[in-house]
Amino acid sequence: MVGNASPPESPLLDALANWVEQTDPGARCLPAISVGYTDSHAFRKAFPDCVAYGFFPIRHMSFQDVMPLPHARDERIDVRDLGFAVDCYRAVATALLG
């Protein structure tokens, strides 16, 4: 399978970066490479102009705790981080769509 990516600059990334800065002053969005498969690949194939980033903010679980969990038998997330992500997505959607 051939990998693909979204552009490193976009209105979506600007909105995410603004939310991060407002939520945690001094913090920044940094690019990363996912070694696994994501649905973003299929969305970009079906909709060539689709911009998709695998962004899910976490605050209550450490990165080391989260990384082994996706698709594991005990996959889980702290409910406070779920609420944190909902706040992010709501703010980003409002910034982009009004």
C-alpha atoms as a PDB file:
ATOM      1  CA  MET A   1       0.000   0.000   0.000  1.00  0.00           C
ATOM      2  CA  VAL A   2       1.261   3.446  -0.896  1.00  0.00           C
ATOM      3  CA  GLY A   3       1.193   6.036   1.836  1.00  0.00           C
ATOM      4  CA  ASN A   4      -0.247   9.483   1.425  1.00  0.00           C
ATOM      5  CA  ALA A   5      -0.375  12.688   3.404  1.00  0.00           C
ATOM      6  CA  SER A   6      -2.228  15.939   3.807  1.00  0.00           C
ATOM      7  CA  PRO A   7      -0.416  19.201   3.218  1.00  0.00           C
ATOM      8  CA  PRO A   8       1.607  20.559   6.143  1.00  0.00           C
ATOM      9  CA  GLU A   9      -0.200  23.907   5.849  1.00  0.00           C
ATOM     10  CA  SER A  10      -3.976  24.236   5.731  1.00  0.00           C
ATOM     11  CA  PRO A  11      -6.877  26.104   7.326  1.00  0.00           C
ATOM     12  CA  LEU A  12      -7.568  22.944   9.353  1.00  0.00           C
ATOM     13  CA  LEU A  13      -4.049  22.878  10.779  1.00  0.00           C
ATOM     14  CA  ASP A  14      -4.266  26.619  11.495  1.00  0.00           C
ATOM     15  CA  ALA A  15      -7.500  26.064  13.439  1.00  0.00           C
ATOM     16  CA  LEU A  16      -5.984  23.144  15.365  1.00  0.00           C
ATOM     17  CA  ALA A  17      -2.842  25.154  16.150  1.00  0.00           C
ATOM     18  CA  ASN A  18      -4.954  28.098  17.365  1.00  0.00           C
ATOM     19  CA  TRP A  19      -6.969  25.811  19.644  1.00  0.00           C
ATOM     20  CA  VAL A  20      -3.786  24.274  21.044  1.00  0.00           C
ATOM     21  CA  GLU A  21      -2.267  27.700  21.712  1.00  0.00           C
ATOM     22  CA  GLN A  22      -5.441  28.969  23.407  1.00  0.00           C
ATOM     23  CA  THR A  23      -5.828  25.804  25.472  1.00  0.00           C
ATOM     24  CA  ASP A  24      -2.191  25.397  26.457  1.00  0.00           C
ATOM     25  CA  PRO A  25      -0.195  28.608  25.840  1.00  0.00           C
ATOM     26  CA  GLY A  26       3.245  27.851  24.457  1.00  0.00           C
ATOM     27  CA  ALA A  27       2.266  24.412  23.134  1.00  0.00           C
ATOM     28  CA  ARG A  28       2.540  23.689  19.399  1.00  0.00           C
ATOM     29  CA  CYS A  29       1.169  21.242  16.859  1.00  0.00           C
ATOM     30  CA  LEU A  30       3.972  19.140  15.425  1.00  0.00           C
ATOM     31  CA  PRO A  31       3.784  16.780  12.460  1.00  0.00           C
ATOM     32  CA  ALA A  32       4.240  13.076  12.987  1.00  0.00           C
ATOM     33  CA  ILE A  33       4.274  10.009  10.804  1.00  0.00           C
ATOM     34  CA  SER A  34       1.904   7.175  11.573  1.00  0.00           C
ATOM     35  CA  VAL A  35       3.364   3.756  10.907  1.00  0.00           C
ATOM     36  CA  GLY A  36      -0.085   2.195  10.955  1.00  0.00           C
ATOM     37  CA  TYR A  37      -3.075   2.386   8.655  1.00  0.00           C
ATOM     38  CA  THR A  38      -5.721   5.054   9.209  1.00  0.00           C
ATOM     39  CA  ASP A  39      -9.062   5.730   7.575  1.00  0.00           C
ATOM     40  CA  SER A  40      -7.550   8.997   6.319  1.00  0.00           C
ATOM     41  CA  HIS A  41      -5.951   7.002   3.524  1.00  0.00           C
ATOM     42  CA  ALA A  42      -9.358   5.903   2.217  1.00  0.00           C
ATOM     43  CA  PHE A  43     -10.863   9.384   2.593  1.00  0.00           C
ATOM     44  CA  ARG A  44      -7.990  10.976   0.672  1.00  0.00           C
ATOM     45  CA  LYS A  45      -8.349   8.347  -2.076  1.00  0.00           C
ATOM     46  CA  ALA A  46     -12.108   8.901  -2.397  1.00  0.00           C
ATOM     47  CA  PHE A  47     -11.915  12.682  -2.008  1.00  0.00           C
ATOM     48  CA  PRO A  48      -8.578  13.931  -3.396  1.00  0.00           C
ATOM     49  CA  ASP A  49      -8.973  17.400  -1.850  1.00  0.00           C
ATOM     50  CA  CYS A  50      -9.592  15.928   1.613  1.00  0.00           C
ATOM     51  CA  VAL A  51      -7.293  17.233   4.335  1.00  0.00           C
ATOM     52  CA  ALA A  52      -7.108  14.845   7.274  1.00  0.00           C
ATOM     53  CA  TYR A  53      -4.831  14.833  10.292  1.00  0.00           C
ATOM     54  CA  GLY A  54      -4.850  12.190  12.998  1.00  0.00           C
ATOM     55  CA  PHE A  55      -5.325  14.721  15.789  1.00  0.00           C
ATOM     56  CA  PHE A  56      -6.764  13.623  19.122  1.00  0.00           C
ATOM     57  CA  PRO A  57      -5.678  15.776  22.051  1.00  0.00           C
ATOM     58  CA  ILE A  58      -4.922  14.009  25.296  1.00  0.00           C
ATOM     59  CA  ARG A  59      -4.191  15.562  28.644  1.00  0.00           C
ATOM     60  CA  HIS A  60      -4.916  12.935  31.308  1.00  0.00           C
ATOM     61  CA  MET A  61      -3.166   9.848  29.919  1.00  0.00           C
ATOM     62  CA  SER A  62       0.522   9.885  29.132  1.00  0.00           C
ATOM     63  CA  PHE A  63       1.745   9.280  25.598  1.00  0.00           C
ATOM     64  CA  GLN A  64       3.421   6.094  26.852  1.00  0.00           C
ATOM     65  CA  ASP A  65       0.085   4.870  28.241  1.00  0.00           C
ATOM     66  CA  VAL A  66      -1.844   5.665  25.057  1.00  0.00           C
ATOM     67  CA  MET A  67       0.489   4.317  22.373  1.00  0.00           C
ATOM     68  CA  PRO A  68       0.064   0.564  22.986  1.00  0.00           C
ATOM     69  CA  LEU A  69      -3.729   0.802  23.294  1.00  0.00           C
ATOM     70  CA  PRO A  70      -5.149   1.335  19.767  1.00  0.00           C
ATOM     71  CA  HIS A  71      -6.763  -1.905  18.611  1.00  0.00           C
ATOM     72  CA  ALA A  72      -5.429  -3.736  21.657  1.00  0.00           C
ATOM     73  CA  ARG A  73      -7.613  -6.061  23.697  1.00  0.00           C
ATOM     74  CA  ASP A  74      -7.871  -3.389  26.402  1.00  0.00           C
ATOM     75  CA  GLU A  75      -8.255  -0.352  24.125  1.00  0.00           C
ATOM     76  CA  ARG A  76      -9.520   2.570  26.185  1.00  0.00           C
ATOM     77  CA  ILE A  77      -9.233   6.310  26.735  1.00  0.00           C
ATOM     78  CA  ASP A  78      -9.711   8.445  29.806  1.00  0.00           C
ATOM     79  CA  VAL A  79     -13.233   9.904  29.654  1.00  0.00           C
ATOM     80  CA  ARG A  80     -11.782  13.326  30.535  1.00  0.00           C
ATOM     81  CA  ASP A  81      -9.645  13.142  27.373  1.00  0.00           C
ATOM     82  CA  LEU A  82     -12.747  12.279  25.356  1.00  0.00           C
ATOM     83  CA  GLY A  83     -14.402  15.452  26.662  1.00  0.00           C
ATOM     84  CA  PHE A  84     -11.197  17.402  25.947  1.00  0.00           C
ATOM     85  CA  ALA A  85     -11.245  16.164  22.334  1.00  0.00           C
ATOM     86  CA  VAL A  86     -14.949  17.050  21.944  1.00  0.00           C
ATOM     87  CA  ASP A  87     -14.147  20.604  23.085  1.00  0.00           C
ATOM     88  CA  CYS A  88     -11.346  20.747  20.513  1.00  0.00           C
ATOM     89  CA  TYR A  89     -13.438  19.442  17.632  1.00  0.00           C
ATOM     90  CA  ARG A  90     -16.315  21.786  18.474  1.00  0.00           C
ATOM     91  CA  ALA A  91     -13.996  24.799  18.561  1.00  0.00           C
ATOM     92  CA  VAL A  92     -12.225  23.825  15.338  1.00  0.00           C
ATOM     93  CA  ALA A  93     -15.492  23.182  13.488  1.00  0.00           C
ATOM     94  CA  THR A  94     -16.862  26.533  14.680  1.00  0.00           C
ATOM     95  CA  ALA A  95     -13.655  28.314  13.597  1.00  0.00           C
ATOM     96  CA  LEU A  96     -13.805  26.747  10.134  1.00  0.00           C
ATOM     97  CA  LEU A  97     -17.535  26.693   9.492  1.00  0.00           C
ATOM     98  CA  GLY A  98     -18.843  29.537  11.627  1.00  0.00           C
END
